[in-house]
Amino acid sequence: MGCRMRKLAGTILVLLYVPVYTSLALALAQVRPIREGSLLIQILCFAGLGTVWILPLLPLIRWMQKPDA
């Protein structure tokens, strides 16, 4: 697969992944211990959810950037 096709496929996968992750993060943010927790717990939860989304995408991004053979 050429570099352009990898980037196209990767972009499509990212565009499909982000709404799914967003829905999951919103559902997790509404869990009672987080919603009713202290401000510190809420900040840590939202910071974690806002950061963790990129971790599953790192291998995909590396694959997309791989040079052609």
Protein backbone atom coordinates (compact mmCIF):
# COMPACT_ATOMS: atom_id res chain seq x y z
CA MET A 1 0.00 0.00 0.00
CA GLY A 2 1.38 3.37 -0.98
CA CYS A 3 1.93 6.28 1.35
CA ARG A 4 -1.08 8.20 0.02
CA MET A 5 -3.42 5.22 0.50
CA ARG A 6 -2.10 4.62 4.04
CA LYS A 7 -2.77 8.25 4.90
CA LEU A 8 -6.26 8.09 3.42
CA ALA A 9 -7.09 4.87 5.29
CA GLY A 10 -5.60 6.24 8.51
CA THR A 11 -7.55 9.48 8.21
CA ILE A 12 -10.80 7.56 7.73
CA LEU A 13 -10.03 5.39 10.76
CA VAL A 14 -9.27 8.45 12.89
CA LEU A 15 -12.52 10.09 11.78
CA LEU A 16 -14.41 6.96 12.81
CA TYR A 17 -12.54 6.53 16.11
CA VAL A 18 -12.92 10.07 17.48
CA PRO A 19 -16.76 10.08 17.73
CA VAL A 20 -16.74 6.60 19.28
CA TYR A 21 -14.16 7.63 21.88
CA THR A 22 -15.99 10.88 22.53
CA SER A 23 -19.21 9.00 23.22
CA LEU A 24 -17.39 6.64 25.57
CA ALA A 25 -15.67 9.52 27.38
CA LEU A 26 -18.95 11.38 27.80
CA ALA A 27 -20.59 8.27 29.21
CA LEU A 28 -17.70 7.75 31.65
CA ALA A 29 -17.85 11.39 32.72
CA GLN A 30 -21.48 10.91 33.79
CA VAL A 31 -20.71 8.08 36.22
CA ARG A 32 -21.86 9.03 39.72
CA PRO A 33 -18.45 8.95 41.51
CA ILE A 34 -17.03 11.36 38.95
CA ARG A 35 -20.08 13.57 38.60
CA GLU A 36 -20.55 13.91 42.36
CA GLY A 37 -16.87 13.78 43.26
CA SER A 38 -14.68 16.61 44.39
CA LEU A 39 -13.33 19.19 41.97
CA LEU A 40 -9.91 17.53 42.06
CA ILE A 41 -11.37 14.16 41.06
CA GLN A 42 -13.28 15.78 38.21
CA ILE A 43 -10.21 17.65 36.97
CA LEU A 44 -8.08 14.50 37.07
CA CYS A 45 -10.77 12.48 35.29
CA PHE A 46 -11.29 15.03 32.53
CA ALA A 47 -7.56 15.54 32.08
CA GLY A 48 -7.08 11.78 31.81
CA LEU A 49 -9.94 11.33 29.35
CA GLY A 50 -8.66 14.26 27.32
CA THR A 51 -5.18 12.77 27.10
CA VAL A 52 -5.76 9.03 26.77
CA TRP A 53 -7.61 9.23 23.45
CA ILE A 54 -4.36 9.61 21.50
CA LEU A 55 -2.69 6.44 22.85
CA PRO A 56 -4.55 3.94 20.61
CA LEU A 57 -3.87 6.20 17.62
CA LEU A 58 -0.08 6.31 17.99
CA PRO A 59 0.56 2.98 16.17
CA LEU A 60 -1.83 4.06 13.42
CA ILE A 61 -0.05 7.39 13.01
CA ARG A 62 3.34 5.64 12.88
CA TRP A 63 1.97 3.29 10.21
CA MET A 64 0.60 6.21 8.22
CA GLN A 65 3.99 7.98 8.28
CA LYS A 66 6.01 4.92 7.24
CA PRO A 67 7.90 5.69 4.01
CA ASP A 68 7.22 3.70 0.85
CA ALA A 69 9.41 0.67 0.27
